[in-house]
């Protein structure tokens, strides 16, 4: 699995005009943010982990 996966659509407007947001030099987590150039919003995507499968592991 890639260390950095790209989102497919903006969570605000649904457009796919997404670019990695280039953080300032003093940013804590470089490369963690994305910018939508359609609605001009910046957002983060975070992986929280796996969820349990309903009904147990089969």
PDB file of N, CA and C in Angstrom:
ATOM      1  N   UNK A   1       0.841  -1.181   0.000  1.00  0.00           N
ATOM      2  CA  UNK A   1       0.000   0.000   0.000  1.00  0.00           C
ATOM      3  C   UNK A   1       0.881   1.237   0.000  1.00  0.00           C
ATOM      4  N   UNK A   2       0.490   2.227  -0.731  1.00  0.00           N
ATOM      5  CA  UNK A   2       1.243   3.461  -0.838  1.00  0.00           C
ATOM      6  C   UNK A   2       1.198   4.237   0.466  1.00  0.00           C
ATOM      7  N   UNK A   3       2.254   4.944   0.763  1.00  0.00           N
ATOM      8  CA  UNK A   3       2.287   5.770   1.957  1.00  0.00           C
ATOM      9  C   UNK A   3       1.417   6.998   1.823  1.00  0.00           C
ATOM     10  N   UNK A   4       1.080   7.358   0.597  1.00  0.00           N
ATOM     11  CA  UNK A   4       0.273   8.550   0.371  1.00  0.00           C
ATOM     12  C   UNK A   4      -0.696   8.275  -0.767  1.00  0.00           C
ATOM     13  N   UNK A   5      -1.946   8.170  -0.449  1.00  0.00           N
ATOM     14  CA  UNK A   5      -2.966   7.930  -1.466  1.00  0.00           C
ATOM     15  C   UNK A   5      -3.695   9.237  -1.765  1.00  0.00           C
ATOM     16  N   UNK A   6      -4.047   9.432  -3.008  1.00  0.00           N
ATOM     17  CA  UNK A   6      -4.734  10.653  -3.410  1.00  0.00           C
ATOM     18  C   UNK A   6      -6.236  10.468  -3.324  1.00  0.00           C
ATOM     19  N   UNK A   7      -6.944  11.430  -2.718  1.00  0.00           N
ATOM     20  CA  UNK A   7      -8.407  11.358  -2.743  1.00  0.00           C
ATOM     21  C   UNK A   7      -8.905  11.562  -4.174  1.00  0.00           C
ATOM     22  N   UNK A   8     -10.054  11.007  -4.470  1.00  0.00           N
ATOM     23  CA  UNK A   8     -10.606  11.095  -5.827  1.00  0.00           C
ATOM     24  C   UNK A   8     -11.457  12.332  -6.049  1.00  0.00           C
ATOM     25  N   UNK A   9     -12.133  12.801  -4.989  1.00  0.00           N
ATOM     26  CA  UNK A   9     -13.033  13.940  -5.116  1.00  0.00           C
ATOM     27  C   UNK A   9     -12.927  14.831  -3.890  1.00  0.00           C
ATOM     28  N   UNK A  10     -13.218  16.099  -4.079  1.00  0.00           N
ATOM     29  CA  UNK A  10     -13.262  17.056  -2.970  1.00  0.00           C
ATOM     30  C   UNK A  10     -14.457  16.717  -2.078  1.00  0.00           C
ATOM     31  N   UNK A  11     -14.273  16.645  -0.752  1.00  0.00           N
ATOM     32  CA  UNK A  11     -15.403  16.332   0.127  1.00  0.00           C
ATOM     33  C   UNK A  11     -16.413  17.477   0.245  1.00  0.00           C
ATOM     34  N   UNK A  12     -16.091  18.652  -0.263  1.00  0.00           N
ATOM     35  CA  UNK A  12     -16.984  19.805  -0.168  1.00  0.00           C
ATOM     36  C   UNK A  12     -17.802  20.031  -1.436  1.00  0.00           C
ATOM     37  N   UNK A  13     -17.115  20.036  -2.606  1.00  0.00           N
ATOM     38  CA  UNK A  13     -17.842  20.345  -3.844  1.00  0.00           C
ATOM     39  C   UNK A  13     -17.959  19.145  -4.785  1.00  0.00           C
ATOM     40  N   UNK A  14     -17.190  18.079  -4.542  1.00  0.00           N
ATOM     41  CA  UNK A  14     -17.273  16.881  -5.361  1.00  0.00           C
ATOM     42  C   UNK A  14     -16.427  16.916  -6.625  1.00  0.00           C
ATOM     43  N   UNK A  15     -15.744  18.011  -6.884  1.00  0.00           N
ATOM     44  CA  UNK A  15     -14.921  18.113  -8.090  1.00  0.00           C
ATOM     45  C   UNK A  15     -13.632  17.305  -7.919  1.00  0.00           C
ATOM     46  N   UNK A  16     -12.949  17.035  -9.027  1.00  0.00           N
ATOM     47  CA  UNK A  16     -11.726  16.244  -8.958  1.00  0.00           C
ATOM     48  C   UNK A  16     -10.472  17.070  -9.278  1.00  0.00           C
ATOM     49  N   UNK A  17     -10.567  18.376  -9.157  1.00  0.00           N
ATOM     50  CA  UNK A  17      -9.434  19.273  -9.413  1.00  0.00           C
ATOM     51  C   UNK A  17      -8.618  19.421  -8.122  1.00  0.00           C
ATOM     52  N   UNK A  18      -7.965  18.311  -7.699  1.00  0.00           N
ATOM     53  CA  UNK A  18      -7.246  18.268  -6.429  1.00  0.00           C
ATOM     54  C   UNK A  18      -5.738  18.283  -6.637  1.00  0.00           C
ATOM     55  N   UNK A  19      -5.048  18.963  -5.734  1.00  0.00           N
ATOM     56  CA  UNK A  19      -3.594  19.079  -5.777  1.00  0.00           C
ATOM     57  C   UNK A  19      -3.057  18.962  -4.359  1.00  0.00           C
ATOM     58  N   UNK A  20      -1.856  18.399  -4.191  1.00  0.00           N
ATOM     59  CA  UNK A  20      -1.245  18.407  -2.856  1.00  0.00           C
ATOM     60  C   UNK A  20      -1.031  19.850  -2.410  1.00  0.00           C
ATOM     61  N   UNK A  21      -1.373  20.133  -1.178  1.00  0.00           N
ATOM     62  CA  UNK A  21      -1.170  21.481  -0.644  1.00  0.00           C
ATOM     63  C   UNK A  21       0.270  21.589  -0.171  1.00  0.00           C
ATOM     64  N   UNK A  22       0.984  22.548  -0.674  1.00  0.00           N
ATOM     65  CA  UNK A  22       2.375  22.736  -0.281  1.00  0.00           C
ATOM     66  C   UNK A  22       2.414  23.550   1.005  1.00  0.00           C
ATOM     67  N   UNK A  23       2.834  22.912   2.102  1.00  0.00           N
ATOM     68  CA  UNK A  23       2.807  23.600   3.399  1.00  0.00           C
ATOM     69  C   UNK A  23       3.948  24.597   3.542  1.00  0.00           C
ATOM     70  N   UNK A  24       3.790  25.477   4.517  1.00  0.00           N
ATOM     71  CA  UNK A  24       4.868  26.399   4.855  1.00  0.00           C
ATOM     72  C   UNK A  24       6.025  25.607   5.450  1.00  0.00           C
ATOM     73  N   UNK A  25       7.178  26.203   5.506  1.00  0.00           N
ATOM     74  CA  UNK A  25       8.367  25.509   5.999  1.00  0.00           C
ATOM     75  C   UNK A  25       8.229  25.050   7.447  1.00  0.00           C
ATOM     76  N   UNK A  26       7.403  25.715   8.234  1.00  0.00           N
ATOM     77  CA  UNK A  26       7.264  25.364   9.651  1.00  0.00           C
ATOM     78  C   UNK A  26       6.079  24.432   9.914  1.00  0.00           C
ATOM     79  N   UNK A  27       5.515  23.832   8.870  1.00  0.00           N
ATOM     80  CA  UNK A  27       4.361  22.938   9.045  1.00  0.00           C
ATOM     81  C   UNK A  27       4.784  21.643   9.745  1.00  0.00           C
ATOM     82  N   UNK A  28       3.849  21.065  10.519  1.00  0.00           N
ATOM     83  CA  UNK A  28       4.146  19.853  11.290  1.00  0.00           C
ATOM     84  C   UNK A  28       4.186  18.605  10.419  1.00  0.00           C
ATOM     85  N   UNK A  29       3.221  18.425   9.532  1.00  0.00           N
ATOM     86  CA  UNK A  29       3.133  17.207   8.722  1.00  0.00           C
ATOM     87  C   UNK A  29       3.096  17.568   7.241  1.00  0.00           C
ATOM     88  N   UNK A  30       4.239  17.747   6.605  1.00  0.00           N
ATOM     89  CA  UNK A  30       4.243  18.117   5.189  1.00  0.00           C
ATOM     90  C   UNK A  30       3.601  17.043   4.320  1.00  0.00           C
ATOM     91  N   UNK A  31       2.807  17.470   3.348  1.00  0.00           N
ATOM     92  CA  UNK A  31       2.176  16.541   2.427  1.00  0.00           C
ATOM     93  C   UNK A  31       0.894  15.922   2.932  1.00  0.00           C
ATOM     94  N   UNK A  32       0.396  16.359   4.083  1.00  0.00           N
ATOM     95  CA  UNK A  32      -0.808  15.761   4.653  1.00  0.00           C
ATOM     96  C   UNK A  32      -2.084  16.445   4.170  1.00  0.00           C
ATOM     97  N   UNK A  33      -1.976  17.592   3.532  1.00  0.00           N
ATOM     98  CA  UNK A  33      -3.154  18.353   3.123  1.00  0.00           C
ATOM     99  C   UNK A  33      -3.324  18.355   1.611  1.00  0.00           C
ATOM    100  N   UNK A  34      -4.570  18.513   1.189  1.00  0.00           N
ATOM    101  CA  UNK A  34      -4.928  18.623  -0.223  1.00  0.00           C
ATOM    102  C   UNK A  34      -5.688  19.912  -0.438  1.00  0.00           C
ATOM    103  N   UNK A  35      -5.588  20.469  -1.640  1.00  0.00           N
ATOM    104  CA  UNK A  35      -6.354  21.666  -1.967  1.00  0.00           C
ATOM    105  C   UNK A  35      -7.209  21.399  -3.186  1.00  0.00           C
ATOM    106  N   UNK A  36      -8.425  21.908  -3.129  1.00  0.00           N
ATOM    107  CA  UNK A  36      -9.331  21.830  -4.269  1.00  0.00           C
ATOM    108  C   UNK A  36      -9.273  23.179  -4.974  1.00  0.00           C
ATOM    109  N   UNK A  37      -8.869  23.170  -6.223  1.00  0.00           N
ATOM    110  CA  UNK A  37      -8.743  24.429  -6.954  1.00  0.00           C
ATOM    111  C   UNK A  37     -10.053  24.862  -7.592  1.00  0.00           C
ATOM    112  N   UNK A  38     -11.106  24.082  -7.395  1.00  0.00           N
ATOM    113  CA  UNK A  38     -12.427  24.486  -7.876  1.00  0.00           C
ATOM    114  C   UNK A  38     -13.141  25.335  -6.835  1.00  0.00           C
ATOM    115  N   UNK A  39     -13.172  24.852  -5.576  1.00  0.00           N
ATOM    116  CA  UNK A  39     -13.872  25.598  -4.518  1.00  0.00           C
ATOM    117  C   UNK A  39     -12.901  26.312  -3.576  1.00  0.00           C
ATOM    118  N   UNK A  40     -11.593  26.175  -3.835  1.00  0.00           N
ATOM    119  CA  UNK A  40     -10.540  26.862  -3.081  1.00  0.00           C
ATOM    120  C   UNK A  40     -10.528  26.505  -1.599  1.00  0.00           C
ATOM    121  N   UNK A  41     -10.783  25.235  -1.301  1.00  0.00           N
ATOM    122  CA  UNK A  41     -10.721  24.752   0.080  1.00  0.00           C
ATOM    123  C   UNK A  41      -9.530  23.829   0.250  1.00  0.00           C
ATOM    124  N   UNK A  42      -8.996  23.796   1.479  1.00  0.00           N
ATOM    125  CA  UNK A  42      -7.909  22.895   1.838  1.00  0.00           C
ATOM    126  C   UNK A  42      -8.456  21.901   2.848  1.00  0.00           C
ATOM    127  N   UNK A  43      -8.089  20.614   2.705  1.00  0.00           N
ATOM    128  CA  UNK A  43      -8.577  19.601   3.642  1.00  0.00           C
ATOM    129  C   UNK A  43      -7.508  18.545   3.861  1.00  0.00           C
ATOM    130  N   UNK A  44      -7.650  17.792   4.937  1.00  0.00           N
ATOM    131  CA  UNK A  44      -6.738  16.706   5.280  1.00  0.00           C
ATOM    132  C   UNK A  44      -7.454  15.377   5.130  1.00  0.00           C
ATOM    133  N   UNK A  45      -6.692  14.349   4.806  1.00  0.00           N
ATOM    134  CA  UNK A  45      -7.199  12.985   4.744  1.00  0.00           C
ATOM    135  C   UNK A  45      -6.367  12.173   5.721  1.00  0.00           C
ATOM    136  N   UNK A  46      -7.032  11.480   6.643  1.00  0.00           N
ATOM    137  CA  UNK A  46      -6.316  10.710   7.644  1.00  0.00           C
ATOM    138  C   UNK A  46      -6.835   9.277   7.674  1.00  0.00           C
ATOM    139  N   UNK A  47      -5.907   8.350   7.658  1.00  0.00           N
ATOM    140  CA  UNK A  47      -6.245   6.926   7.767  1.00  0.00           C
ATOM    141  C   UNK A  47      -6.287   6.568   9.244  1.00  0.00           C
ATOM    142  N   UNK A  48      -7.423   6.043   9.709  1.00  0.00           N
ATOM    143  CA  UNK A  48      -7.594   5.720  11.121  1.00  0.00           C
ATOM    144  C   UNK A  48      -7.347   4.253  11.426  1.00  0.00           C
ATOM    145  N   UNK A  49      -7.415   3.382  10.448  1.00  0.00           N
ATOM    146  CA  UNK A  49      -7.179   1.958  10.662  1.00  0.00           C
ATOM    147  C   UNK A  49      -8.310   1.116  10.111  1.00  0.00           C
ATOM    148  N   UNK A  50      -8.187  -0.179  10.327  1.00  0.00           N
ATOM    149  CA  UNK A  50      -9.174  -1.129   9.829  1.00  0.00           C
ATOM    150  C   UNK A  50     -10.337  -1.244  10.808  1.00  0.00           C
ATOM    151  N   UNK A  51     -11.514  -1.577  10.282  1.00  0.00           N
ATOM    152  CA  UNK A  51     -12.689  -1.808  11.118  1.00  0.00           C
ATOM    153  C   UNK A  51     -12.970  -3.312  11.131  1.00  0.00           C
ATOM    154  N   UNK A  52     -13.685  -3.745  12.163  1.00  0.00           N
ATOM    155  CA  UNK A  52     -14.005  -5.159  12.266  1.00  0.00           C
ATOM    156  C   UNK A  52     -15.045  -5.540  11.222  1.00  0.00           C
ATOM    157  N   UNK A  53     -14.896  -6.706  10.643  1.00  0.00           N
ATOM    158  CA  UNK A  53     -15.838  -7.217   9.662  1.00  0.00           C
ATOM    159  C   UNK A  53     -17.103  -7.684  10.372  1.00  0.00           C
ATOM    160  N   UNK A  54     -18.293  -7.307   9.906  1.00  0.00           N
ATOM    161  CA  UNK A  54     -19.530  -7.784  10.535  1.00  0.00           C
ATOM    162  C   UNK A  54     -19.613  -9.308  10.494  1.00  0.00           C
ATOM    163  N   UNK A  55     -19.961  -9.937  11.594  1.00  0.00           N
ATOM    164  CA  UNK A  55     -20.102 -11.381  11.644  1.00  0.00           C
ATOM    165  C   UNK A  55     -18.804 -12.129  11.905  1.00  0.00           C
ATOM    166  N   UNK A  56     -17.726 -11.398  12.238  1.00  0.00           N
ATOM    167  CA  UNK A  56     -16.446 -12.053  12.520  1.00  0.00           C
ATOM    168  C   UNK A  56     -15.615 -12.245  11.273  1.00  0.00           C
ATOM    169  N   UNK A  57     -14.452 -12.825  11.442  1.00  0.00           N
ATOM    170  CA  UNK A  57     -13.538 -13.073  10.310  1.00  0.00           C
ATOM    171  C   UNK A  57     -13.883 -14.378   9.612  1.00  0.00           C
ATOM    172  N   UNK A  58     -14.177 -14.284   8.331  1.00  0.00           N
ATOM    173  CA  UNK A  58     -14.474 -15.481   7.543  1.00  0.00           C
ATOM    174  C   UNK A  58     -13.610 -15.514   6.337  1.00  0.00           C
TER     175      UNK A  58
END
